[in-house]
Protein backbone atom coordinates (compact mmCIF):
# COMPACT_ATOMS: atom_id res chain seq x y z
CA MET A 1 -103.16 121.71 -42.92
CA ASN A 2 -102.88 125.12 -44.62
CA ASN A 3 -102.93 128.37 -42.63
CA LYS A 4 -106.47 129.23 -43.69
CA THR A 5 -107.81 125.86 -42.51
CA LEU A 6 -105.81 126.02 -39.26
CA LYS A 7 -107.13 129.51 -38.47
CA LYS A 8 -110.70 128.31 -39.12
CA SER A 9 -110.23 125.31 -36.81
CA MET A 10 -108.68 127.45 -34.09
CA LEU A 11 -111.54 129.93 -34.38
CA LEU A 12 -114.12 127.16 -33.93
CA CYS A 13 -112.20 125.70 -31.01
CA THR A 14 -111.78 129.12 -29.37
CA PHE A 15 -115.53 129.65 -29.64
CA SER A 16 -116.10 126.26 -28.01
CA ILE A 17 -113.80 126.97 -25.08
CA LEU A 18 -115.34 130.42 -24.53
CA ALA A 19 -118.81 128.88 -24.51
CA SER A 20 -117.61 126.20 -22.10
CA SER A 21 -116.11 128.83 -19.77
CA ALA A 22 -119.33 130.82 -19.75
CA PHE A 23 -121.26 127.64 -18.99
CA SER A 24 -118.95 126.75 -16.10
CA GLN A 25 -119.46 130.19 -14.57
CA GLY A 26 -123.07 129.16 -14.09
CA ASN A 27 -121.83 126.55 -11.57
CA HIS A 28 -122.11 123.74 -14.13
CA VAL A 29 -119.78 120.82 -13.42
CA GLU A 30 -119.33 118.12 -16.04
CA ALA A 31 -120.55 114.74 -14.85
CA PRO A 32 -118.68 111.47 -15.47
CA ILE A 33 -118.98 110.40 -19.10
CA MET A 34 -121.46 107.68 -20.05
CA GLY A 35 -121.23 105.54 -23.14
CA TRP A 36 -119.76 102.40 -24.70
CA SER A 37 -116.22 101.25 -25.49
CA SER A 38 -115.03 98.51 -27.82
CA TRP A 39 -112.15 97.03 -25.79
CA ASN A 40 -113.75 94.64 -23.29
CA THR A 41 -115.57 92.51 -25.84
CA TYR A 42 -113.58 93.00 -29.04
CA ARG A 43 -110.08 94.11 -28.05
CA VAL A 44 -108.28 94.91 -31.36
CA ASN A 45 -110.79 92.97 -33.50
CA ILE A 46 -112.95 95.91 -34.54
CA ASN A 47 -114.11 97.41 -37.84
CA ASP A 48 -116.19 100.28 -39.15
CA ASN A 49 -119.40 98.27 -39.55
CA LEU A 50 -119.15 96.90 -35.99
CA ILE A 51 -118.79 100.40 -34.52
CA ARG A 52 -121.77 101.69 -36.52
CA LYS A 53 -123.93 98.80 -35.28
CA GLN A 54 -123.00 99.48 -31.66
CA ALA A 55 -123.88 103.17 -32.08
CA ASP A 56 -127.23 102.23 -33.63
CA ALA A 57 -127.91 99.80 -30.77
CA MET A 58 -127.17 102.49 -28.18
CA VAL A 59 -130.08 104.44 -29.61
CA SER A 60 -132.51 101.58 -30.27
CA SER A 61 -131.96 99.98 -26.83
CA GLY A 62 -132.89 103.15 -24.96
CA LEU A 63 -129.37 103.65 -23.59
CA LYS A 64 -129.04 107.03 -25.28
CA ASP A 65 -132.27 108.19 -23.63
CA ALA A 66 -130.89 107.00 -20.27
CA GLY A 67 -127.86 109.29 -20.68
CA TYR A 68 -125.23 107.22 -22.51
CA LYS A 69 -123.68 109.43 -25.19
CA TYR A 70 -120.12 108.34 -26.06
CA VAL A 71 -119.18 105.63 -28.58
CA ASN A 72 -115.47 105.04 -28.02
CA ILE A 73 -113.20 103.28 -30.52
CA ASP A 74 -110.37 101.68 -28.57
CA ASP A 75 -107.15 100.01 -29.81
CA GLY A 76 -107.29 98.17 -33.14
CA TYR A 77 -108.04 100.87 -35.71
CA PHE A 78 -104.37 101.64 -36.45
CA GLY A 79 -102.82 101.00 -39.84
CA TYR A 80 -99.42 102.65 -40.26
CA ARG A 81 -97.55 105.93 -40.47
CA ASP A 82 -96.49 107.06 -43.94
CA GLU A 83 -93.18 108.69 -44.89
CA ASN A 84 -94.43 112.01 -43.49
CA GLY A 85 -95.48 110.44 -40.20
CA LEU A 86 -99.18 110.80 -41.03
CA LEU A 87 -101.29 108.20 -39.26
CA HIS A 88 -103.48 105.96 -41.44
CA THR A 89 -106.25 103.58 -40.33
CA HIS A 90 -106.18 99.81 -40.75
CA PRO A 91 -106.76 99.11 -44.49
CA GLU A 92 -109.13 96.14 -43.90
CA ARG A 93 -110.83 97.13 -40.65
CA PHE A 94 -111.41 100.79 -41.57
CA PRO A 95 -110.81 101.05 -45.33
CA GLU A 96 -112.55 104.43 -45.61
CA GLY A 97 -110.88 105.89 -42.51
CA LEU A 98 -112.62 107.13 -39.39
CA LYS A 99 -114.26 110.37 -40.52
CA SER A 100 -117.35 108.61 -41.92
CA VAL A 101 -117.68 106.52 -38.74
CA VAL A 102 -117.52 109.66 -36.58
CA ASP A 103 -120.07 111.36 -38.83
CA HIS A 104 -122.45 108.42 -38.36
CA ILE A 105 -122.04 108.57 -34.58
CA HIS A 106 -122.66 112.32 -34.57
CA SER A 107 -125.72 111.91 -36.83
CA LEU A 108 -127.32 109.87 -34.05
CA GLY A 109 -126.85 112.69 -31.54
CA LEU A 110 -123.95 110.85 -29.88
CA LYS A 111 -120.30 111.70 -29.27
CA ALA A 112 -117.25 109.84 -30.58
CA GLY A 113 -114.18 108.72 -28.66
CA ILE A 114 -110.72 107.64 -29.89
CA TYR A 115 -107.74 105.82 -28.38
CA SER A 116 -104.02 106.40 -28.55
CA GLU A 117 -100.78 105.63 -26.73
CA ALA A 118 -98.47 107.99 -24.81
CA GLY A 119 -95.41 106.14 -26.07
CA THR A 120 -94.59 104.60 -29.44
CA ASN A 121 -96.25 101.17 -29.39
CA THR A 122 -99.83 100.39 -28.36
CA CYS A 123 -101.01 97.89 -25.75
CA GLY A 124 -102.59 95.84 -28.55
CA SER A 125 -99.20 95.46 -30.22
CA MET A 126 -97.79 94.00 -27.01
CA TRP A 127 -100.68 91.96 -25.62
CA ASP A 128 -102.64 91.05 -28.76
CA ASN A 129 -99.76 90.76 -31.23
CA ASP A 130 -101.28 93.50 -33.40
CA LYS A 131 -98.33 94.50 -35.59
CA ASN A 132 -100.21 97.54 -36.82
CA GLY A 133 -99.92 98.99 -33.32
CA ILE A 134 -96.15 99.31 -33.60
CA GLY A 135 -94.90 102.87 -34.08
CA VAL A 136 -98.32 104.52 -34.12
CA GLY A 137 -98.35 106.09 -30.62
CA LEU A 138 -98.35 109.81 -29.89
CA TYR A 139 -94.66 110.02 -28.95
CA GLY A 140 -93.14 112.61 -31.30
CA TYR A 141 -96.41 113.18 -33.19
CA GLU A 142 -98.49 114.98 -30.57
CA HIS A 143 -99.55 118.04 -32.57
CA GLN A 144 -99.98 116.15 -35.82
CA ASP A 145 -102.16 113.43 -34.30
CA ALA A 146 -104.19 115.90 -32.25
CA ASP A 147 -105.02 117.83 -35.42
CA LEU A 148 -106.02 114.57 -37.13
CA PHE A 149 -108.14 113.24 -34.24
CA PHE A 150 -110.02 116.40 -33.29
CA ASN A 151 -109.98 118.74 -36.30
CA LYS A 152 -110.00 116.38 -39.30
CA TRP A 153 -111.83 113.35 -37.87
CA GLY A 154 -113.91 115.24 -35.28
CA PHE A 155 -113.52 113.10 -32.14
CA ASP A 156 -114.78 114.40 -28.76
CA PHE A 157 -112.92 112.11 -26.34
CA ILE A 158 -109.53 110.43 -26.13
CA LYS A 159 -108.21 107.63 -23.93
CA ILE A 160 -104.40 107.68 -23.73
CA ASP A 161 -102.74 104.41 -22.69
CA TYR A 162 -99.23 103.89 -21.30
CA CYS A 163 -97.91 100.51 -22.49
CA GLY A 164 -95.44 102.20 -24.84
CA GLY A 165 -94.65 104.86 -22.28
CA GLN A 166 -93.77 102.21 -19.73
CA GLN A 167 -91.71 100.34 -22.30
CA LEU A 168 -89.60 103.46 -22.91
CA GLU A 169 -89.50 104.36 -19.19
CA LEU A 170 -90.95 107.80 -19.84
CA ASP A 171 -92.00 110.14 -17.04
CA GLU A 172 -95.80 110.05 -16.71
CA GLN A 173 -96.38 113.65 -15.68
CA LYS A 174 -94.10 115.10 -18.36
CA ARG A 175 -95.48 112.81 -21.03
CA TYR A 176 -99.16 113.50 -20.42
CA THR A 177 -98.49 117.23 -19.98
CA THR A 178 -96.82 117.35 -23.39
CA ILE A 179 -99.76 115.56 -24.99
CA VAL A 180 -102.41 117.71 -23.34
CA ASN A 181 -100.56 120.92 -24.24
CA ALA A 182 -100.41 119.76 -27.86
CA ILE A 183 -104.16 119.10 -27.89
CA ARG A 184 -104.80 122.53 -26.39
CA ASP A 185 -102.46 124.15 -28.93
CA VAL A 186 -104.14 122.56 -31.92
CA CYS A 187 -107.76 122.48 -30.81
CA PRO A 188 -108.53 123.70 -27.29
CA ARG A 189 -112.25 122.88 -27.41
CA ASN A 190 -113.92 120.72 -24.84
CA ILE A 191 -112.13 117.41 -25.44
CA SER A 192 -112.76 114.86 -22.69
CA LEU A 193 -109.45 113.15 -21.87
CA ASN A 194 -108.75 109.97 -19.92
CA ILE A 195 -105.32 109.04 -18.54
CA CYS A 196 -104.96 105.26 -18.65
CA ARG A 197 -101.96 104.59 -16.38
CA TRP A 198 -103.49 101.64 -14.38
CA ALA A 199 -102.87 103.29 -10.96
CA TYR A 200 -103.71 106.63 -9.39
CA PRO A 201 -101.12 108.73 -11.27
CA GLY A 202 -100.79 111.72 -8.91
CA ARG A 203 -102.44 115.05 -8.14
CA TRP A 204 -101.12 116.46 -11.43
CA ALA A 205 -103.69 114.38 -13.33
CA LYS A 206 -106.54 116.65 -12.26
CA GLU A 207 -104.95 119.57 -14.16
CA LEU A 208 -104.84 117.55 -17.38
CA ALA A 209 -107.69 115.08 -17.56
CA ARG A 210 -111.38 114.66 -16.88
CA SER A 211 -110.69 111.16 -15.55
CA TRP A 212 -107.80 108.83 -14.79
CA ARG A 213 -107.59 105.09 -14.28
CA ILE A 214 -106.79 103.85 -10.76
CA SER A 215 -106.23 100.14 -11.45
CA GLY A 216 -105.23 97.54 -14.00
CA ASP A 217 -107.71 96.39 -16.63
CA ILE A 218 -111.06 95.07 -15.46
CA GLY A 219 -112.23 91.53 -16.23
CA PRO A 220 -115.67 89.82 -16.15
CA SER A 221 -115.12 88.25 -12.72
CA TRP A 222 -116.09 89.05 -9.13
CA GLU A 223 -112.43 89.07 -8.06
CA SER A 224 -111.69 91.83 -10.58
CA ILE A 225 -114.69 93.93 -9.52
CA LYS A 226 -113.83 93.55 -5.83
CA TYR A 227 -110.17 94.47 -6.42
CA ILE A 228 -110.99 97.66 -8.32
CA ILE A 229 -113.49 98.79 -5.66
CA SER A 230 -110.80 98.22 -3.00
CA LYS A 231 -108.39 100.39 -5.00
CA ASN A 232 -110.87 103.27 -5.04
CA LEU A 233 -112.28 103.10 -1.50
CA TYR A 234 -109.98 105.79 -0.13
CA LEU A 235 -109.44 108.06 -3.16
CA SER A 236 -112.51 110.29 -2.82
CA ALA A 237 -110.51 113.40 -1.85
CA PHE A 238 -108.58 113.26 -5.13
CA ALA A 239 -111.71 113.53 -7.29
CA GLY A 240 -114.42 116.19 -7.63
CA ASP A 241 -115.04 119.46 -9.46
CA GLY A 242 -115.74 117.59 -12.70
CA HIS A 243 -112.72 115.24 -12.49
CA TYR A 244 -113.04 111.56 -11.61
CA ASN A 245 -111.29 108.38 -10.52
CA ASP A 246 -111.93 105.93 -13.37
CA MET A 247 -112.70 102.37 -12.22
CA ASP A 248 -112.52 101.13 -15.85
CA MET A 249 -115.19 99.96 -18.26
CA LEU A 250 -118.30 98.08 -17.17
CA GLU A 251 -118.42 94.29 -17.39
CA ILE A 252 -122.21 94.18 -17.08
CA GLY A 253 -123.78 91.85 -19.64
CA ARG A 254 -120.66 89.64 -19.76
CA GLY A 255 -121.44 86.76 -17.42
CA LEU A 256 -121.46 88.08 -13.84
CA LYS A 257 -124.14 86.94 -11.41
CA GLN A 258 -127.08 89.34 -10.96
CA GLU A 259 -126.03 90.46 -7.46
CA GLU A 260 -122.48 91.00 -8.69
CA GLU A 261 -123.72 93.11 -11.60
CA GLU A 262 -125.80 95.17 -9.17
CA THR A 263 -122.78 95.71 -6.93
CA HIS A 264 -120.59 96.51 -9.92
CA PHE A 265 -122.95 99.15 -11.31
CA GLY A 266 -124.11 100.48 -7.94
CA MET A 267 -120.57 101.07 -6.66
CA TRP A 268 -119.46 102.64 -9.97
CA CYS A 269 -122.44 105.01 -9.66
CA ILE A 270 -122.04 106.08 -6.02
CA MET A 271 -118.25 106.44 -6.47
CA SER A 272 -118.77 108.65 -9.55
CA SER A 273 -116.74 106.59 -11.99
CA PRO A 274 -117.21 107.03 -15.75
CA LEU A 275 -119.84 104.59 -17.01
CA LEU A 276 -118.59 102.98 -20.23
CA ILE A 277 -120.43 99.79 -21.18
CA GLY A 278 -118.16 97.03 -22.46
CA CYS A 279 -120.54 94.34 -23.75
CA ASP A 280 -122.06 93.80 -27.21
CA LEU A 281 -125.01 96.20 -27.24
CA THR A 282 -126.77 94.23 -29.97
CA SER A 283 -127.22 91.20 -27.69
CA ILE A 284 -127.25 92.63 -24.16
CA PRO A 285 -129.32 90.55 -21.68
CA GLU A 286 -132.62 92.13 -20.66
CA GLN A 287 -131.77 92.09 -16.93
CA SER A 288 -128.43 93.80 -17.59
CA LEU A 289 -130.07 96.45 -19.77
CA LYS A 290 -132.64 97.13 -17.06
CA LEU A 291 -129.84 97.68 -14.55
CA LEU A 292 -127.83 99.94 -16.87
CA THR A 293 -130.90 102.14 -17.43
CA ASN A 294 -131.83 102.41 -13.74
CA LYS A 295 -132.43 106.17 -13.57
CA GLU A 296 -132.13 106.37 -9.79
CA LEU A 297 -128.64 104.84 -9.81
CA ILE A 298 -127.60 106.93 -12.81
CA ALA A 299 -128.72 110.05 -10.94
CA LEU A 300 -126.15 109.27 -8.23
CA ASN A 301 -123.40 109.06 -10.82
CA GLN A 302 -124.51 112.20 -12.66
CA ASP A 303 -125.31 114.20 -9.51
CA PRO A 304 -124.37 117.88 -10.00
CA LEU A 305 -122.23 117.95 -6.84
CA SER A 306 -119.67 115.72 -8.60
CA LEU A 307 -118.71 113.90 -5.38
CA GLN A 308 -117.30 110.42 -4.78
CA ALA A 309 -118.62 108.48 -1.80
CA TYR A 310 -116.15 107.87 1.03
CA VAL A 311 -115.84 105.22 3.75
CA VAL A 312 -117.24 106.12 7.19
CA GLN A 313 -117.38 102.64 8.72
CA HIS A 314 -115.54 99.36 8.23
CA GLU A 315 -116.56 96.66 10.67
CA GLY A 316 -116.28 92.95 10.05
CA ASN A 317 -116.36 92.40 6.31
CA GLY A 318 -118.62 95.34 5.49
CA TYR A 319 -117.95 98.90 4.32
CA VAL A 320 -120.29 101.87 4.70
CA LEU A 321 -119.81 104.69 2.19
CA VAL A 322 -121.65 108.00 2.06
CA LYS A 323 -121.81 111.20 0.02
CA ASP A 324 -123.91 114.33 -0.28
CA ILE A 325 -126.29 114.51 -3.23
CA GLU A 326 -128.40 117.35 -4.63
CA LYS A 327 -127.12 119.91 -2.07
CA ARG A 328 -123.92 120.29 -0.04
CA ARG A 329 -124.56 119.89 3.69
CA GLY A 330 -128.20 119.10 2.97
CA ASN A 331 -130.32 116.48 4.71
CA ILE A 332 -130.29 114.11 1.70
CA ARG A 333 -127.36 111.69 1.40
CA ALA A 334 -126.55 108.54 -0.57
CA VAL A 335 -125.23 105.50 1.31
CA ALA A 336 -123.73 102.20 0.20
CA LEU A 337 -123.67 99.13 2.44
CA TYR A 338 -121.05 97.07 0.62
CA ASN A 339 -120.29 93.42 1.36
CA PRO A 340 -117.35 92.06 -0.70
CA SER A 341 -117.11 88.85 1.33
CA ASP A 342 -118.45 85.34 0.80
CA GLU A 343 -120.71 85.50 3.88
CA THR A 344 -123.77 87.56 4.79
CA CYS A 345 -122.83 90.81 6.50
CA SER A 346 -125.02 92.49 9.15
CA PHE A 347 -124.82 96.29 9.10
CA ASN A 348 -125.64 98.40 12.14
CA VAL A 349 -124.96 102.04 11.29
CA PRO A 350 -125.79 104.92 13.67
CA LEU A 351 -127.40 107.79 11.78
CA SER A 352 -125.04 110.14 13.64
CA LEU A 353 -122.12 108.51 11.81
CA LEU A 354 -123.83 109.59 8.59
CA GLU A 355 -124.31 113.12 10.03
CA LEU A 356 -128.07 112.66 10.09
CA GLU A 357 -130.60 113.03 12.91
CA GLY A 358 -134.30 112.48 13.42
CA LYS A 359 -136.82 110.52 11.37
CA THR A 360 -135.10 109.43 8.18
CA LYS A 361 -136.74 108.18 4.98
CA VAL A 362 -134.94 105.29 3.26
CA ARG A 363 -135.10 104.50 -0.46
CA ASP A 364 -133.53 101.37 -2.03
CA LEU A 365 -132.17 102.61 -5.38
CA ILE A 366 -131.30 99.24 -6.92
CA ASN A 367 -134.78 97.82 -6.38
CA ARG A 368 -136.40 101.26 -6.68
CA LYS A 369 -138.59 100.88 -3.62
CA ASP A 370 -139.07 102.63 -0.26
CA GLU A 371 -137.89 100.93 2.93
CA ARG A 372 -139.27 101.68 6.39
CA SER A 373 -138.13 104.95 7.94
CA VAL A 374 -135.57 104.87 10.77
CA ASN A 375 -134.82 107.16 13.74
CA LYS A 376 -131.51 106.10 15.25
CA THR A 377 -129.85 103.28 13.35
CA LEU A 378 -129.67 101.85 9.84
CA GLN A 379 -129.84 98.05 10.01
CA PHE A 380 -129.63 95.64 7.07
CA ASP A 381 -128.32 92.18 6.31
CA VAL A 382 -126.48 92.20 2.98
CA ALA A 383 -125.83 88.97 1.07
CA PRO A 384 -122.34 87.97 -0.18
CA HIS A 385 -120.96 89.97 -3.13
CA SER A 386 -123.86 92.41 -2.74
CA VAL A 387 -124.58 96.03 -1.94
CA LYS A 388 -127.46 98.14 -0.67
CA ILE A 389 -127.50 101.55 -2.35
CA LEU A 390 -129.76 103.88 -0.35
CA ARG A 391 -131.05 107.42 -0.55
CA LEU A 392 -131.59 108.84 2.95
CA GLU A 393 -133.62 111.94 3.73
CA SER A 394 -133.53 113.03 7.35
CA GLU A 395 -135.06 115.79 9.45
CA LYS A 396 -131.71 117.33 10.37
CA ARG A 397 -128.06 117.42 9.28
CA ILE A 398 -125.46 117.48 12.06
CA GLU A 399 -121.73 118.19 12.15
CA GLN A 400 -119.19 115.47 11.44
CA SER A 401 -117.24 114.60 14.58
CA ILE A 402 -114.77 111.97 13.35
CA TYR A 403 -112.48 112.58 10.36
CA GLU A 404 -110.63 109.45 9.29
CA ALA A 405 -107.09 109.79 7.96
CA GLU A 406 -108.10 107.74 4.92
CA GLN A 407 -110.69 110.43 4.02
CA ALA A 408 -107.95 113.03 3.57
CA LEU A 409 -106.18 114.17 0.44
CA LEU A 410 -102.61 112.85 0.66
CA ASN A 411 -100.52 115.40 -1.15
CA LYS A 412 -97.65 112.98 -1.90
CA TYR A 413 -99.68 109.80 -2.36
CA ASP A 414 -97.59 107.50 -4.52
CA ASP A 415 -99.61 104.67 -6.07
CA LEU A 416 -97.04 104.39 -8.88
CA GLY A 417 -94.38 103.33 -6.35
CA LYS A 418 -91.79 105.95 -7.28
CA ARG A 419 -90.78 106.84 -3.70
CA LYS A 420 -88.66 104.58 -1.51
CA ARG A 421 -90.81 105.39 1.52
CA PRO A 422 -94.18 106.40 0.06
CA VAL A 423 -97.07 107.91 1.96
CA THR A 424 -99.75 105.26 1.77
CA TYR A 425 -102.82 103.66 3.33
CA LYS A 426 -101.93 100.97 5.86
CA PRO A 427 -104.45 98.36 7.10
CA THR A 428 -104.43 98.51 10.91
CA GLU A 429 -106.83 96.33 12.87
CA GLU A 430 -106.98 98.54 15.98
CA ALA A 431 -107.68 101.75 14.04
CA SER A 432 -111.23 103.15 14.04
CA GLY A 433 -111.79 102.30 10.38
CA LYS A 434 -109.17 99.53 10.33
CA MET A 435 -106.96 101.81 8.25
CA THR A 436 -104.23 104.37 8.96
CA VAL A 437 -102.11 106.69 6.85
CA SER A 438 -98.39 105.99 7.03
CA ASN A 439 -95.20 107.92 6.14
CA LEU A 440 -96.45 111.49 6.30
CA GLY A 441 -93.86 114.18 6.96
CA ALA A 442 -90.11 114.65 6.36
CA ASP A 443 -91.10 117.26 3.75
CA LYS A 444 -93.25 120.39 3.97
CA ASN A 445 -95.31 119.08 1.03
CA ASN A 446 -95.93 115.60 2.45
CA PHE A 447 -99.16 116.18 4.37
CA ALA A 448 -102.71 114.92 4.75
CA GLN A 449 -105.36 117.56 4.09
CA TRP A 450 -109.06 117.65 4.96
CA ASN A 451 -110.70 120.42 2.92
CA ASN A 452 -114.27 120.15 4.19
CA VAL A 453 -114.10 120.34 7.98
CA PHE A 454 -117.46 121.96 8.67
CA SER A 455 -118.59 124.10 11.59
CA GLU A 456 -122.15 125.39 11.70
CA ASN A 457 -121.32 128.54 13.64
CA GLY A 458 -117.54 128.50 14.09
CA GLY A 459 -115.86 128.44 17.48
CA THR A 460 -113.33 126.59 19.64
CA TYR A 461 -113.07 122.81 19.41
CA LYS A 462 -111.12 120.16 21.27
CA MET A 463 -109.18 118.21 18.63
CA LYS A 464 -108.08 114.67 19.54
CA ILE A 465 -105.63 113.12 17.10
CA LYS A 466 -105.48 109.32 17.22
CA TYR A 467 -102.15 107.87 16.13
CA ILE A 468 -99.96 104.80 16.45
CA PRO A 469 -96.49 105.35 17.96
CA ALA A 470 -93.71 104.99 15.43
CA GLU A 471 -92.27 101.62 14.47
CA LEU A 472 -88.61 102.46 13.96
CA GLN A 473 -86.67 101.33 10.94
CA ASP A 474 -82.91 100.61 10.81
CA ARG A 475 -80.70 103.43 12.13
CA GLU A 476 -83.74 105.63 12.77
CA ILE A 477 -84.16 107.97 15.74
CA ASN A 478 -87.58 108.38 17.31
CA ASP A 479 -87.99 112.11 16.76
CA HIS A 480 -91.45 111.90 15.20
CA LYS A 481 -93.62 115.02 15.47
CA ILE A 482 -97.07 116.16 14.40
CA GLU A 483 -97.74 119.60 12.95
CA VAL A 484 -101.39 120.62 12.72
CA THR A 485 -102.34 123.51 10.46
CA VAL A 486 -105.86 124.94 10.75
CA ASN A 487 -106.75 127.54 8.12
CA GLY A 488 -103.06 128.49 7.84
CA THR A 489 -102.21 128.54 11.58
CA THR A 490 -99.75 125.82 12.61
CA THR A 491 -99.31 124.10 16.00
CA ARG A 492 -96.45 121.67 16.63
CA LEU A 493 -97.03 118.67 18.89
CA SER A 494 -93.75 117.29 20.27
CA GLU A 495 -94.63 115.23 23.35
CA LEU A 496 -95.81 112.07 21.66
CA GLU A 497 -96.11 108.50 22.88
CA THR A 498 -93.16 106.35 21.75
CA ASP A 499 -94.20 102.89 23.02
CA ARG A 500 -95.89 101.12 20.12
CA SER A 501 -97.05 98.28 22.37
CA LYS A 502 -99.58 100.64 23.96
CA GLY A 503 -101.61 100.74 20.74
CA ILE A 504 -103.61 103.80 19.73
CA ALA A 505 -102.36 107.02 21.38
CA THR A 506 -104.04 110.43 21.56
CA ALA A 507 -102.68 113.96 21.18
CA GLU A 508 -104.96 116.87 22.11
CA LEU A 509 -105.10 120.56 21.28
CA ASP A 510 -107.68 123.33 21.09
CA ILE A 511 -108.37 124.76 17.63
CA ASN A 512 -110.52 127.58 16.28
CA LEU A 513 -112.77 126.91 13.32
CA ASP A 514 -114.47 129.47 11.12
CA LYS A 515 -118.15 129.27 10.27
CA GLY A 516 -118.58 127.00 7.25
CA TYR A 517 -115.80 124.95 5.68
CA ASN A 518 -112.29 124.81 7.15
CA THR A 519 -109.02 123.24 5.98
CA ILE A 520 -106.92 121.11 8.33
CA LYS A 521 -103.50 119.67 7.47
CA ILE A 522 -101.40 117.15 9.38
CA GLY A 523 -97.72 116.69 8.54
CA SER A 524 -94.23 117.61 9.73
CA ARG A 525 -91.68 119.66 7.80
CA ARG A 526 -88.51 118.12 9.23
CA THR A 527 -89.49 114.79 10.83
CA TRP A 528 -91.63 111.77 10.08
CA VAL A 529 -95.18 111.64 11.46
CA PRO A 530 -96.49 108.58 13.34
CA ASP A 531 -99.22 106.62 11.54
CA ILE A 532 -102.46 108.64 11.76
CA ASP A 533 -105.76 106.92 12.52
CA CYS A 534 -108.21 109.83 12.69
CA PHE A 535 -109.05 113.01 14.55
CA GLU A 536 -112.14 113.79 16.61
CA LEU A 537 -113.71 117.20 17.16
CA GLU A 538 -115.70 118.27 20.21
CA LYS A 539 -117.27 121.73 20.40
CA ILE A 540 -116.12 123.82 23.41
CA SER A 541 -117.56 127.25 22.66
CA ASN A 542 -119.09 129.26 19.84
CA LYS A 543 -117.14 131.89 17.95
CA MET A 544 -117.56 135.31 19.53
């Protein structure tokens, strides 16, 4: 690229980022991306004509009108690097390169996505024996490839895999930071970036990417769908503000049962995952297309609040998830009654647990029909492998009184398994939601944080922390403590129960909350913290 061309590209990109910044100042938050990706059905066996046909089908099927915009070319387009390191496309699959394919996608009013690898060799070279994927990753070619992808070819999205990065034992945070900085250096326009590391990578991902994978690759089976949902049940605090936990591409239209497809799509929508269709759009079954274009479910996914639903109840085999939609702290909420088991699950959910009160309208979003209104309790039987996705509109919104540990942001959460004693979620039958958070503390930065503790008027509250006395490891002394920080003010709790056989213990203290949202942290700078179940809040007096 000559200096004149580079300056022109930078000028265009600078204009784009300035326009994006101005747009974001108007409280606009980018929703999860919607589109299609080639990997699930075709893996590396793609070509230019195939991609064009899929883009055409996205328009003719009505998917574009429903909100699907991205056509993403995954692994399989690679050819080789020449003596100057310049990347070339596969000579048979894409003989004319990718620019003409991108132009066709753009001509349809759609956006184009590309794939690359953080290391040297692609996943297709390892798992599909695609020899053209050897040596074509971003490692050492970050600026050069970014210029090619976004300035010369004109792509709008990139998925960056980690097979080669894992092979070379590279550091994830450093590697993705280098790549993102190169993209910003060469063309800092609004490129949507996905980190494909097959586990929640860490809090650093939110500074670099619009979305990040939280699991291994999806497959067209119920076991795969159920596993990925379980991986994302407790990650809501890590998403938001236009950044999302990616549950991988959709397997709808690839052989699942109808109720499993409904659960698959419904849970992806209420948990605000990117929606990337993975089937052949030219032969998609009518029932699957109807589900994928369900505007009421899509509205949950594209809701301007950008929130992921979180678990408020887990009894028997069922999970109840909830999130605000349309307005924060409003009287309209979305609820999922999720049954992953092989038996019918009966749900009995007090409206108070959903922070709602009074006569409440109920709308079934999958079937797009109104249910009878309720006053006290939400009651439904949900069949195996199924979900009820509901829109509730009540007369009144009330304060949350129970904050589960698994709803918190865990500052040192380590899904990559890099720490010897990682802070993690621990299934615990006697806990209120059958889950606790384990291994907080021993570091000022290893804490659980609730950012949205709401008080209508502010005032003094009785805080009851439920915990499980420590289970000591070899050569460990029981000096566990709990430090509670409320809006920057810290209280240390030292007199804790040490007999684990007594089950759930309670520590109490009085705290002062401001009107509106408050931040509460639980940790310990110099000791471990016992496993935390939840905390309860009871109003004592209003703020003077």
